[in-house]
Amino acid sequence: MKKQTTLLFVLCLLPMVGIFAVDDSYYGLDHAPSAPAAGQPGSTAVHMASNAIVAWADGYLDVHYGVEVDEIWMTPEKALGPAQGIAEEIACLGRGGQITLTFPNGIGDGMGADFSVFENGVTDGFLELAHVEVSSDGTNFVRFPDYSYTQDPVETYGTLNTRLIYGLASKYRQSYGTPFDLNELRIAYNAQLAGNTDFSADFATALTNGFPLLDLNHITHVRLIDVVGDGTALDARGEVIYDPYPTTGSAGFDLDAIGVLSESFVPYADWAAIHSVSTNGLGDADGDGVVDFQEYMMGGDPNLETFAPVPVLGSSGNGTDSVFLEYSLSRHALGTCRVEASDDLSGWANAVPQNTEQWSEPDFIHLTAQFPADAPQHYYRLIFEGQ
């Protein structure tokens, strides 16, 4: 059943400002040596039982097996749900294979790492690697910058130094995930625009073409592509990546799971439980006049009266040019919002703005909708609907 709430507002003025910080360089040597093995001081490894993990992949598609993988290991369903930390409970990609995973509420760009990839390496050194790519639509993917400083070929059961690996899955042994921060893609993109990277021409082109098609707060797909360890695979610099080669039977990346550290969408029921507010969304826990579901949709704090996310209705040109409506929406809420207008508070109709401007930050979308000042409607309201 859909829930619906209405918010009516009065005339006042409030300017909007935004401040953004931009990183202007991205080089592999900034990450070398990288973090050490799981359990060592400075390691970034995420244990499979960590309470930082809020969700797990729940779907897969576009599985393309490489060579040297026996049918017994062609089990993509084993990559769904929580990591097992058991060598046999995996989906093997084969040499050069790939798989795409999906998530119940997507992945968002939160503070720090946003998801973690788990493999089944049985020691800190026996590591099989994969490129990691993300998408907001399942069609356009962008690869994380990855670096390998392993100088020589690695034999079949040889080992890698985890401190010489960055941006590849998985640099940690089974039960421990390699974290990925979506903000690194933004940093890399800005740095490439400034010309301050060590990326190869191919990687730079793919990044600059693909990044504008991403919504970092609504990542829906993660794709893993096995690195063939014979020296044919290249990192973001265009340098060779080595990992154990040749392996047979279960060659290539052995995926255990992908854990979500920052969800893109948070269902209202979960949000209500976290904040201990009404389950139907119609309560007003902090008594600020904005009901709980509206707080959820606009990114408010339902337990803090002074943080009421109230829209603003104003005018420009002394009221002769246009009427504008400014409001913000949470990028984590599942629901829709529309504007309606009325001239008598009785009959309401959808209001189509002359122009809409918006700007974003990690947790919010800020919108300004403009309407003609001479329109017969004098009242405006927001209608929120959710599942």
Protein backbone atom coordinates (compact mmCIF):
# COMPACT_ATOMS: atom_id res chain seq x y z
CA MET A 1 0.00 0.00 0.00
CA LYS A 2 1.30 3.46 -0.87
CA LYS A 3 1.51 6.11 1.84
CA GLN A 4 0.81 9.72 0.88
CA THR A 5 1.38 12.93 2.80
CA THR A 6 0.87 16.57 1.87
CA LEU A 7 2.87 19.62 2.91
CA LEU A 8 1.42 23.13 2.43
CA PHE A 9 3.69 26.13 2.92
CA VAL A 10 3.73 29.91 3.27
CA LEU A 11 5.69 32.75 1.68
CA CYS A 12 9.26 33.54 2.78
CA LEU A 13 12.69 33.95 1.19
CA LEU A 14 15.89 32.00 1.69
CA PRO A 15 19.02 31.94 -0.49
CA MET A 16 20.75 28.68 -1.36
CA VAL A 17 24.49 28.28 -1.33
CA GLY A 18 26.77 25.31 -1.92
CA ILE A 19 30.43 24.71 -1.17
CA PHE A 20 32.40 21.93 -2.81
CA ALA A 21 35.95 20.76 -2.41
CA VAL A 22 37.76 19.39 -5.46
CA ASP A 23 40.85 17.17 -5.48
CA ASP A 24 43.12 17.93 -8.41
CA SER A 25 45.55 15.00 -8.62
CA TYR A 26 45.51 11.19 -8.65
CA TYR A 27 48.69 9.15 -8.93
CA GLY A 28 49.46 5.53 -8.20
CA LEU A 29 52.45 6.41 -6.07
CA ASP A 30 50.09 8.25 -3.72
CA HIS A 31 48.79 4.77 -2.81
CA ALA A 32 52.11 2.93 -2.72
CA PRO A 33 52.83 1.13 -0.59
CA SER A 34 49.15 0.43 0.02
CA ALA A 35 47.52 -1.01 3.14
CA PRO A 36 48.98 -4.25 4.55
CA ALA A 37 47.37 -7.67 4.97
CA ALA A 38 44.34 -8.33 7.17
CA GLY A 39 45.11 -8.17 10.86
CA GLN A 40 48.15 -5.95 10.49
CA PRO A 41 48.26 -2.33 11.72
CA GLY A 42 46.94 -0.03 9.01
CA SER A 43 45.04 -2.72 7.13
CA THR A 44 41.76 -1.64 5.52
CA ALA A 45 40.38 -5.19 5.41
CA VAL A 46 36.68 -5.53 6.29
CA HIS A 47 35.79 -8.71 8.18
CA MET A 48 32.71 -10.53 6.93
CA ALA A 49 31.08 -10.21 10.38
CA SER A 50 31.64 -6.46 10.59
CA ASN A 51 28.59 -4.50 11.71
CA ALA A 52 29.57 -1.86 9.15
CA ILE A 53 28.06 -4.11 6.47
CA VAL A 54 24.41 -3.13 6.02
CA ALA A 55 23.44 -5.32 3.05
CA TRP A 56 24.72 -7.92 0.60
CA ALA A 57 24.32 -8.47 -3.13
CA ASP A 58 21.02 -10.18 -3.90
CA GLY A 59 21.11 -10.65 -7.67
CA TYR A 60 23.46 -11.46 -10.52
CA LEU A 61 23.47 -11.13 -14.30
CA ASP A 62 25.79 -11.12 -17.30
CA VAL A 63 27.93 -14.02 -16.11
CA HIS A 64 30.60 -14.83 -18.69
CA TYR A 65 32.92 -17.62 -17.71
CA GLY A 66 36.51 -17.63 -18.82
CA VAL A 67 38.56 -20.71 -19.56
CA GLU A 68 39.83 -23.31 -17.10
CA VAL A 69 36.79 -23.35 -14.81
CA ASP A 70 35.06 -26.66 -14.11
CA GLU A 71 31.26 -26.79 -14.08
CA ILE A 72 31.20 -27.54 -10.35
CA TRP A 73 32.45 -23.99 -9.71
CA MET A 74 29.97 -22.29 -12.07
CA THR A 75 27.74 -21.31 -9.17
CA PRO A 76 26.96 -17.57 -9.32
CA GLU A 77 24.19 -17.95 -6.72
CA LYS A 78 26.91 -18.60 -4.14
CA ALA A 79 28.05 -14.99 -4.57
CA LEU A 80 24.74 -13.75 -3.15
CA GLY A 81 24.09 -13.01 0.49
CA PRO A 82 26.68 -12.87 3.28
CA ALA A 83 30.27 -13.94 2.75
CA GLN A 84 30.95 -17.48 3.96
CA GLY A 85 34.71 -17.44 4.33
CA ILE A 86 34.83 -21.01 3.01
CA ALA A 87 37.05 -21.82 0.04
CA GLU A 88 34.43 -23.96 -1.73
CA GLU A 89 31.46 -21.58 -1.27
CA ILE A 90 32.27 -19.30 -4.19
CA ALA A 91 31.46 -18.39 -7.77
CA CYS A 92 34.55 -18.97 -9.92
CA LEU A 93 34.87 -16.66 -12.93
CA GLY A 94 37.52 -18.56 -14.85
CA ARG A 95 40.44 -16.99 -16.62
CA GLY A 96 39.22 -13.61 -17.94
CA GLY A 97 35.60 -14.20 -16.86
CA GLN A 98 33.22 -11.65 -15.41
CA ILE A 99 30.04 -11.25 -13.34
CA THR A 100 27.72 -8.35 -12.45
CA LEU A 101 25.95 -8.17 -9.08
CA THR A 102 22.94 -6.11 -7.98
CA PHE A 103 21.79 -4.92 -4.56
CA PRO A 104 18.48 -4.57 -2.69
CA ASN A 105 18.76 -0.82 -2.06
CA GLY A 106 21.73 0.11 -4.21
CA ILE A 107 25.03 1.57 -3.02
CA GLY A 108 25.55 5.22 -2.10
CA ASP A 109 28.56 7.48 -1.70
CA GLY A 110 28.78 7.76 2.07
CA MET A 111 31.63 8.61 4.38
CA GLY A 112 34.62 6.38 3.61
CA ALA A 113 34.36 3.00 1.90
CA ASP A 114 30.97 2.15 0.35
CA PHE A 115 31.25 -1.57 -0.47
CA SER A 116 33.66 -4.44 0.04
CA VAL A 117 34.55 -7.39 -2.22
CA PHE A 118 35.31 -10.81 -0.70
CA GLU A 119 37.40 -13.53 -2.38
CA ASN A 120 38.57 -16.91 -1.11
CA GLY A 121 42.35 -16.55 -0.95
CA VAL A 122 43.56 -19.13 1.54
CA THR A 123 46.63 -17.13 2.62
CA ASP A 124 47.62 -13.48 2.79
CA GLY A 125 49.76 -13.95 -0.31
CA PHE A 126 47.85 -16.30 -2.60
CA LEU A 127 45.61 -13.70 -4.22
CA GLU A 128 43.66 -13.80 -7.48
CA LEU A 129 42.71 -10.36 -8.73
CA ALA A 130 39.83 -8.67 -10.57
CA HIS A 131 39.07 -5.24 -11.98
CA VAL A 132 36.11 -3.53 -10.27
CA GLU A 133 33.56 -1.45 -12.18
CA VAL A 134 30.31 0.25 -11.13
CA SER A 135 27.18 1.47 -12.89
CA SER A 136 24.00 3.38 -12.14
CA ASP A 137 22.02 1.86 -14.99
CA GLY A 138 23.52 -1.56 -15.71
CA THR A 139 24.77 -0.37 -19.09
CA ASN A 140 27.44 2.26 -18.54
CA PHE A 141 30.25 1.08 -16.27
CA VAL A 142 33.26 2.93 -14.87
CA ARG A 143 36.36 1.14 -13.60
CA PHE A 144 38.11 2.04 -10.36
CA PRO A 145 41.69 3.20 -10.87
CA ASP A 146 43.84 0.16 -10.10
CA TYR A 147 47.55 -0.27 -9.65
CA SER A 148 49.87 -3.26 -9.49
CA TYR A 149 53.56 -2.89 -8.67
CA THR A 150 54.41 -6.59 -8.89
CA GLN A 151 57.42 -6.58 -11.19
CA ASP A 152 57.76 -10.24 -12.18
CA PRO A 153 55.44 -13.08 -13.29
CA VAL A 154 53.91 -15.16 -10.48
CA GLU A 155 53.90 -18.93 -10.77
CA THR A 156 50.82 -21.11 -10.30
CA TYR A 157 50.90 -21.21 -6.52
CA GLY A 158 53.06 -18.15 -6.05
CA THR A 159 52.26 -15.24 -3.77
CA LEU A 160 51.74 -11.50 -4.05
CA ASN A 161 52.67 -8.67 -1.71
CA THR A 162 49.38 -7.06 -0.79
CA ARG A 163 51.15 -3.71 -0.27
CA LEU A 164 51.88 -3.61 -4.01
CA ILE A 165 48.20 -3.84 -4.97
CA TYR A 166 45.65 -1.00 -5.00
CA GLY A 167 42.15 -0.68 -6.45
CA LEU A 168 41.88 -4.36 -7.38
CA ALA A 169 39.74 -7.04 -5.77
CA SER A 170 40.75 -8.82 -3.71
CA LYS A 171 43.92 -7.99 -1.87
CA TYR A 172 42.83 -9.80 1.30
CA ARG A 173 42.47 -13.46 2.27
CA GLN A 174 39.12 -15.20 2.66
CA SER A 175 36.75 -13.79 5.31
CA TYR A 176 38.17 -10.29 4.69
CA GLY A 177 36.85 -7.89 2.06
CA THR A 178 38.66 -5.24 0.03
CA PRO A 179 36.89 -1.88 0.48
CA PHE A 180 36.05 0.55 -2.33
CA ASP A 181 35.16 4.22 -1.90
CA LEU A 182 32.97 5.68 -4.66
CA ASN A 183 34.38 9.13 -3.95
CA GLU A 184 37.67 7.95 -5.45
CA LEU A 185 36.00 7.94 -8.85
CA ARG A 186 35.03 11.60 -8.39
CA ILE A 187 38.58 12.46 -7.32
CA ALA A 188 40.06 10.58 -10.27
CA TYR A 189 37.68 12.26 -12.72
CA ASN A 190 38.41 15.76 -11.45
CA ALA A 191 42.12 15.04 -11.48
CA GLN A 192 41.96 13.81 -15.06
CA LEU A 193 40.12 16.96 -16.13
CA ALA A 194 42.96 18.93 -14.53
CA GLY A 195 45.55 16.77 -16.32
CA ASN A 196 47.11 15.58 -13.07
CA THR A 197 47.05 11.76 -13.29
CA ASP A 198 49.24 8.90 -14.43
CA PHE A 199 46.40 7.19 -16.30
CA SER A 200 46.95 5.59 -19.68
CA ALA A 201 45.20 7.19 -22.63
CA ASP A 202 42.68 4.34 -22.78
CA PHE A 203 41.86 4.50 -19.08
CA ALA A 204 41.60 8.31 -19.13
CA THR A 205 39.22 8.24 -22.09
CA ALA A 206 36.99 5.60 -20.50
CA LEU A 207 36.89 7.56 -17.23
CA THR A 208 36.11 10.96 -18.73
CA ASN A 209 33.42 9.49 -20.99
CA GLY A 210 31.86 7.25 -18.37
CA PHE A 211 31.92 9.21 -15.13
CA PRO A 212 29.25 11.78 -16.16
CA LEU A 213 26.87 8.85 -16.68
CA LEU A 214 27.25 7.72 -13.05
CA ASP A 215 25.17 8.81 -10.08
CA LEU A 216 27.54 8.00 -7.23
CA ASN A 217 24.73 7.97 -4.73
CA HIS A 218 22.68 5.49 -6.75
CA ILE A 219 25.03 2.70 -7.81
CA THR A 220 22.96 -0.31 -8.82
CA HIS A 221 25.50 -2.69 -10.37
CA VAL A 222 29.05 -3.83 -9.56
CA ARG A 223 30.97 -5.75 -12.22
CA LEU A 224 34.06 -7.86 -11.57
CA ILE A 225 36.39 -8.84 -14.41
CA ASP A 226 39.08 -11.43 -13.74
CA VAL A 227 42.67 -10.34 -14.26
CA VAL A 228 44.50 -12.87 -16.43
CA GLY A 229 47.83 -13.08 -14.64
CA ASP A 230 50.11 -13.80 -17.59
CA GLY A 231 50.95 -10.14 -18.16
CA THR A 232 48.27 -9.35 -20.73
CA ALA A 233 46.07 -7.45 -18.23
CA LEU A 234 46.93 -3.79 -17.63
CA ASP A 235 46.35 -1.43 -14.71
CA ALA A 236 45.21 2.20 -14.86
CA ARG A 237 48.70 3.30 -15.92
CA GLY A 238 48.81 0.76 -18.72
CA GLU A 239 51.34 -1.32 -16.78
CA VAL A 240 51.26 -5.12 -16.51
CA ILE A 241 49.31 -6.84 -13.71
CA TYR A 242 50.63 -10.19 -12.54
CA ASP A 243 48.87 -12.76 -10.36
CA PRO A 244 49.23 -16.58 -10.06
CA TYR A 245 49.34 -18.13 -13.55
CA PRO A 246 48.53 -20.60 -14.91
CA THR A 247 45.85 -22.11 -12.67
CA THR A 248 43.37 -24.77 -13.79
CA GLY A 249 40.01 -26.22 -12.78
CA SER A 250 39.01 -23.14 -10.79
CA ALA A 251 41.16 -20.55 -12.52
CA GLY A 252 40.62 -16.86 -12.02
CA PHE A 253 38.77 -14.82 -9.44
CA ASP A 254 36.73 -16.78 -6.87
CA LEU A 255 33.96 -14.48 -5.65
CA ASP A 256 32.57 -15.08 -2.18
CA ALA A 257 30.36 -11.98 -1.78
CA ILE A 258 30.03 -8.20 -2.01
CA GLY A 259 28.98 -6.38 1.14
CA VAL A 260 27.39 -2.92 1.14
CA LEU A 261 28.76 -0.37 3.60
CA SER A 262 26.68 2.60 2.43
CA GLU A 263 23.21 2.01 1.00
CA SER A 264 21.77 4.24 -1.66
CA PHE A 265 18.13 3.76 -0.67
CA VAL A 266 16.81 3.18 2.83
CA PRO A 267 13.17 1.95 2.96
CA TYR A 268 10.89 3.97 5.21
CA ALA A 269 10.27 1.00 7.53
CA ASP A 270 14.00 0.68 8.20
CA TRP A 271 14.40 4.44 8.66
CA ALA A 272 11.44 4.54 11.07
CA ALA A 273 12.90 1.70 13.11
CA ILE A 274 16.29 3.43 13.30
CA HIS A 275 14.70 6.67 14.53
CA SER A 276 11.94 5.02 16.63
CA VAL A 277 9.12 6.93 14.92
CA SER A 278 5.69 6.06 13.52
CA THR A 279 5.51 3.07 11.19
CA ASN A 280 2.75 4.67 9.07
CA GLY A 281 4.70 7.92 8.66
CA LEU A 282 1.90 10.12 10.01
CA GLY A 283 3.32 10.80 13.45
CA ASP A 284 5.29 13.90 14.35
CA ALA A 285 7.89 12.68 16.83
CA ASP A 286 9.54 16.06 17.44
CA GLY A 287 6.38 18.17 17.21
CA ASP A 288 7.76 20.51 14.54
CA GLY A 289 4.72 20.27 12.26
CA VAL A 290 6.48 18.05 9.70
CA VAL A 291 5.26 14.46 9.89
CA ASP A 292 7.71 11.59 10.00
CA PHE A 293 7.33 10.49 6.36
CA GLN A 294 7.94 14.04 5.17
CA GLU A 295 11.06 14.21 7.34
CA TYR A 296 12.19 10.95 5.72
CA MET A 297 11.59 12.22 2.17
CA MET A 298 13.32 15.57 2.78
CA GLY A 299 16.22 14.26 4.85
CA GLY A 300 15.16 15.75 8.17
CA ASP A 301 15.79 14.54 11.70
CA PRO A 302 12.43 13.37 13.10
CA ASN A 303 13.70 13.67 16.66
CA LEU A 304 15.11 17.19 16.42
CA GLU A 305 12.58 20.02 16.31
CA THR A 306 15.13 22.61 15.20
CA PHE A 307 16.01 20.62 12.08
CA ALA A 308 12.70 20.81 10.22
CA PRO A 309 13.26 20.59 6.42
CA VAL A 310 10.64 23.19 5.46
CA PRO A 311 10.33 24.21 1.78
CA VAL A 312 10.47 27.90 0.88
CA LEU A 313 8.02 29.79 -1.34
CA GLY A 314 9.16 33.17 -2.62
CA SER A 315 9.04 35.60 -5.52
CA SER A 316 11.46 37.50 -7.71
CA GLY A 317 11.22 40.92 -9.29
CA ASN A 318 8.99 42.25 -6.49
CA GLY A 319 6.53 39.49 -7.25
CA THR A 320 6.11 40.46 -10.89
CA ASP A 321 8.49 38.05 -12.60
CA SER A 322 8.04 34.62 -11.11
CA VAL A 323 7.21 32.61 -8.06
CA PHE A 324 9.84 30.12 -6.95
CA LEU A 325 9.64 27.08 -4.73
CA GLU A 326 12.81 25.81 -3.08
CA TYR A 327 12.93 22.40 -1.44
CA SER A 328 15.31 19.52 -0.80
CA LEU A 329 14.88 15.76 -1.13
CA SER A 330 16.87 13.01 0.52
CA ARG A 331 18.90 10.95 -1.94
CA HIS A 332 18.38 7.91 0.29
CA ALA A 333 14.56 7.90 0.40
CA LEU A 334 12.35 5.59 -1.64
CA GLY A 335 9.43 7.64 -2.86
CA THR A 336 8.21 10.34 -5.22
CA CYS A 337 7.41 14.02 -4.87
CA ARG A 338 5.27 16.32 -7.02
CA VAL A 339 4.05 19.92 -6.82
CA GLU A 340 0.36 20.83 -6.93
CA ALA A 341 -1.25 24.29 -7.06
CA SER A 342 -4.64 25.77 -6.17
CA ASP A 343 -6.39 29.13 -6.18
CA ASP A 344 -8.83 28.32 -3.36
CA LEU A 345 -7.27 25.53 -1.24
CA SER A 346 -10.06 23.27 -2.48
CA GLY A 347 -9.31 22.19 -6.03
CA TRP A 348 -5.73 21.06 -6.69
CA ALA A 349 -3.89 20.23 -9.92
CA ASN A 350 -0.36 19.28 -10.89
CA ALA A 351 1.81 22.38 -11.27
CA VAL A 352 4.25 22.34 -14.18
CA PRO A 353 7.13 24.78 -13.56
CA GLN A 354 8.47 27.13 -16.23
CA ASN A 355 11.95 26.10 -15.21
CA THR A 356 13.59 23.80 -12.68
CA GLU A 357 17.12 24.13 -11.36
CA GLN A 358 18.84 21.63 -9.13
CA TRP A 359 22.16 20.92 -7.50
CA SER A 360 23.29 17.94 -5.52
CA GLU A 361 25.45 16.92 -2.62
CA PRO A 362 26.02 13.40 -1.24
CA ASP A 363 22.81 13.24 0.84
CA PHE A 364 20.46 15.72 -0.85
CA ILE A 365 19.03 16.99 -4.11
CA HIS A 366 18.17 20.70 -3.84
CA LEU A 367 15.56 22.00 -6.28
CA THR A 368 14.19 25.38 -7.29
CA ALA A 369 10.98 25.31 -9.35
CA GLN A 370 9.83 28.56 -11.00
CA PHE A 371 6.21 29.41 -11.85
CA PRO A 372 4.75 32.49 -13.60
CA ALA A 373 3.86 35.24 -11.14
CA ASP A 374 0.57 35.98 -12.95
CA ALA A 375 -0.72 32.39 -12.71
CA PRO A 376 -4.20 32.13 -11.13
CA GLN A 377 -2.94 29.71 -8.47
CA HIS A 378 -1.86 31.30 -5.20
CA TYR A 379 -1.19 28.20 -3.13
CA TYR A 380 1.32 25.43 -3.65
CA ARG A 381 1.88 22.10 -1.93
CA LEU A 382 4.20 19.11 -2.14
CA ILE A 383 2.74 15.62 -2.38
CA PHE A 384 4.98 12.82 -1.14
CA GLU A 385 4.28 9.20 -1.99
CA GLY A 386 6.21 6.10 -1.04
CA GLN A 387 5.90 2.33 -0.74
